[in-house]
Protein backbone atom coordinates (compact mmCIF):
# COMPACT_ATOMS: atom_id res chain seq x y z
CA MET A 1 42.29 108.93 39.93
CA ASN A 2 45.33 109.17 37.83
CA GLY A 3 45.33 105.61 36.32
CA LYS A 4 47.18 103.81 39.05
CA ILE A 5 45.76 100.66 40.58
CA GLY A 6 46.14 100.55 44.34
CA TRP A 7 47.59 97.63 46.26
CA LYS A 8 44.18 96.92 47.81
CA THR A 9 42.67 96.41 44.39
CA VAL A 10 45.54 94.13 43.32
CA LEU A 11 45.14 92.10 46.53
CA ALA A 12 41.38 91.74 45.96
CA ILE A 13 41.92 90.60 42.35
CA VAL A 14 44.59 88.06 43.42
CA ILE A 15 42.35 86.66 46.16
CA PHE A 16 39.44 86.41 43.71
CA VAL A 17 41.62 84.64 41.11
CA VAL A 18 42.93 82.19 43.75
CA ILE A 19 39.40 81.36 44.93
CA VAL A 20 38.20 80.83 41.37
CA PHE A 21 41.28 78.71 40.61
CA LEU A 22 40.69 76.53 43.71
CA PHE A 23 37.02 76.07 42.87
CA ILE A 24 37.76 75.12 39.26
CA SER A 25 40.64 72.83 40.19
CA SER A 26 38.49 70.99 42.74
CA LEU A 27 35.84 70.53 40.03
CA GLY A 28 33.21 72.15 42.21
CA GLN A 29 33.67 69.64 45.03
CA TYR A 30 35.10 72.14 47.50
CA ASN A 31 32.58 72.88 50.24
CA PRO A 32 33.72 75.85 52.34
CA THR A 33 30.84 75.48 54.82
CA GLY A 34 31.89 71.97 55.82
CA ILE A 35 28.32 70.71 55.57
CA ALA A 36 28.36 67.37 53.84
CA LYS A 37 25.97 66.78 51.03
CA GLN A 38 23.96 63.59 51.16
CA GLN A 39 25.66 61.03 48.96
CA GLU A 40 23.45 59.53 46.35
CA PHE A 41 23.98 56.25 44.59
CA LYS A 42 25.75 57.60 41.52
CA ASP A 43 26.72 54.35 39.89
CA ASP A 44 24.83 53.27 36.88
CA ARG A 45 23.18 49.87 36.60
CA GLU A 46 26.17 48.12 34.99
CA GLU A 47 28.51 49.35 37.71
CA ALA A 48 26.11 48.16 40.42
CA GLU A 49 25.79 44.76 38.75
CA ARG A 50 29.58 44.49 38.49
CA LYS A 51 29.99 45.33 42.18
CA HIS A 52 27.22 42.89 43.09
CA GLN A 53 28.94 40.11 41.13
CA TRP A 54 32.29 40.93 42.74
CA PHE A 55 30.83 40.90 46.26
CA THR A 56 29.08 37.61 45.48
CA GLU A 57 32.41 36.06 44.48
CA VAL A 58 34.06 37.46 47.62
CA LEU A 59 31.25 35.99 49.73
CA LYS A 60 31.68 32.57 48.11
CA ASN A 61 35.44 32.70 48.75
CA GLN A 62 34.94 33.76 52.38
CA GLU A 63 32.41 30.99 53.00
CA LYS A 64 34.75 28.43 51.41
CA LEU A 65 37.61 29.72 53.56
CA LYS A 66 35.44 29.47 56.67
CA THR A 67 34.50 25.88 55.81
CA ASP A 68 38.14 24.97 55.16
CA LEU A 69 39.30 26.55 58.41
CA GLN A 70 36.57 24.80 60.40
CA LEU A 71 37.56 21.46 58.86
CA LYS A 72 41.24 22.14 59.57
CA PHE A 73 40.44 23.05 63.18
CA LYS A 74 38.35 19.92 63.68
CA TRP A 75 41.13 17.72 62.34
CA ILE A 76 43.86 19.40 64.39
CA TYR A 77 41.73 19.34 67.53
CA ALA A 78 40.98 15.64 66.94
CA PHE A 79 44.71 14.94 66.52
CA VAL A 80 45.49 16.83 69.74
CA ARG A 81 42.90 14.78 71.60
CA ALA A 82 44.22 11.57 70.02
CA PHE A 83 47.76 12.58 71.02
CA VAL A 84 46.67 13.06 74.63
CA LEU A 85 44.98 9.65 74.54
CA LEU A 86 48.12 8.12 73.01
CA VAL A 87 50.31 9.61 75.75
CA TRP A 88 47.96 8.27 78.40
CA SER A 89 47.93 4.82 76.75
CA ALA A 90 51.72 4.80 76.52
CA PHE A 91 51.90 5.70 80.21
CA ILE A 92 49.57 2.85 81.15
CA TYR A 93 51.45 0.40 78.94
CA SER A 94 54.82 1.47 80.35
CA MET A 95 53.50 0.98 83.90
CA TYR A 96 52.44 -2.54 82.94
CA ALA A 97 55.61 -3.32 80.95
CA PHE A 98 57.95 -2.25 83.76
CA GLY A 99 55.96 -4.23 86.29
CA ILE A 100 55.00 -1.20 88.37
CA ALA A 101 51.31 -2.02 88.06
CA THR A 102 50.13 -5.60 88.13
CA GLY A 103 46.57 -6.48 87.36
CA ILE A 104 43.68 -4.32 86.31
CA LEU A 105 43.22 -2.64 89.67
CA GLY A 106 46.81 -1.40 89.70
CA LEU A 107 46.44 -0.03 86.18
CA ILE A 108 43.21 1.76 87.11
CA ALA A 109 44.82 3.23 90.21
CA LEU A 110 47.88 4.46 88.28
CA SER A 111 45.84 5.75 85.33
CA SER A 112 44.78 8.71 87.46
CA LEU A 113 48.42 9.79 87.81
CA PRO A 114 48.47 11.71 84.46
CA LEU A 115 45.25 13.42 85.52
CA TRP A 116 46.99 14.58 88.70
CA PHE A 117 49.84 15.96 86.58
CA VAL A 118 47.32 17.93 84.49
CA ILE A 119 45.65 19.22 87.66
CA ALA A 120 49.06 20.24 89.05
CA ALA A 121 49.96 22.03 85.79
CA ASN A 122 46.57 23.76 85.88
CA PHE A 123 47.21 24.87 89.46
CA LEU A 124 50.65 26.21 88.55
CA VAL A 125 49.27 28.11 85.55
CA THR A 126 45.99 29.45 86.95
CA GLY A 127 46.48 29.19 90.72
CA THR A 128 43.26 27.28 91.38
CA TYR A 129 42.11 23.68 91.42
CA ARG A 130 38.52 24.16 90.36
CA ASP A 131 39.09 25.48 86.82
CA LEU A 132 40.15 22.33 85.01
CA LYS A 133 37.31 22.82 82.49
CA ASP A 134 38.51 26.40 81.92
CA PHE A 135 42.05 25.10 81.43
CA ILE A 136 40.81 22.74 78.70
CA ARG A 137 38.65 25.51 77.18
CA VAL A 138 41.58 27.95 77.11
CA THR A 139 43.71 25.30 75.45
CA GLU A 140 40.99 24.86 72.81
CA ILE A 141 40.76 28.63 72.28
CA LYS A 142 44.53 28.96 71.87
CA LEU A 143 44.49 26.15 69.33
CA GLU A 144 41.59 27.84 67.53
CA ASN A 145 43.49 31.15 67.42
CA TRP A 146 46.52 29.34 66.04
CA VAL A 147 44.45 27.67 63.28
CA TYR A 148 42.28 30.65 62.31
CA GLY A 149 45.02 33.26 62.69
CA ARG A 150 44.10 36.46 60.93
CA TYR A 151 40.74 35.01 59.85
CA ILE A 152 39.41 34.79 63.43
CA ASP A 153 36.71 37.34 62.50
CA ILE A 154 35.61 35.53 59.33
CA ASP A 155 31.96 35.51 60.51
CA ALA A 156 31.94 39.32 60.77
CA ARG A 157 33.55 39.61 57.35
CA ILE A 158 30.92 37.34 55.83
CA ALA A 159 28.13 39.38 57.45
CA SER A 160 29.65 42.62 56.14
CA THR A 161 29.94 41.24 52.62
CA GLN A 162 26.35 39.96 52.77
CA GLU A 163 25.24 43.43 53.86
CA GLN A 164 27.03 44.99 50.88
CA ILE A 165 25.32 42.51 48.54
CA ASN A 166 21.91 43.30 50.01
CA ARG A 167 22.58 47.04 49.66
CA LEU A 168 23.44 46.64 45.98
CA GLN A 169 20.32 44.66 45.10
């Protein structure tokens, strides 16, 4: 050899330097085999206690939110039911005030008229007569979705947070 370095040697040195550079820059976390190492709980006790305290606060907030949303839903659902009762009462009173129904038997006979309108609306929406209970249930579900909104899965969130707390103990 006359002191010249061949291109194969230069290429091998460059590849070696690049591999060493990548390994050092990844701080030894690069795993070329793709086999994942089992993760150990690396946090010290203070970090675990801090996370536990944070998850406990999150759980309290989620439970308070769930209670508030349930209360809000109950009130809104009660107002919807009261509104329906008010509309029915106004209908009965207007039938009596305009003289269309005279006496208690006429009022009882005409009080079924709003029910027939609900049954007709149910038939137009669902195409069947027998699902009036389902119509009321779907109305309740839509109202619940409107009240809960993005917190519809609050029970699953609470369970997940409780699981995190149990894991940190």
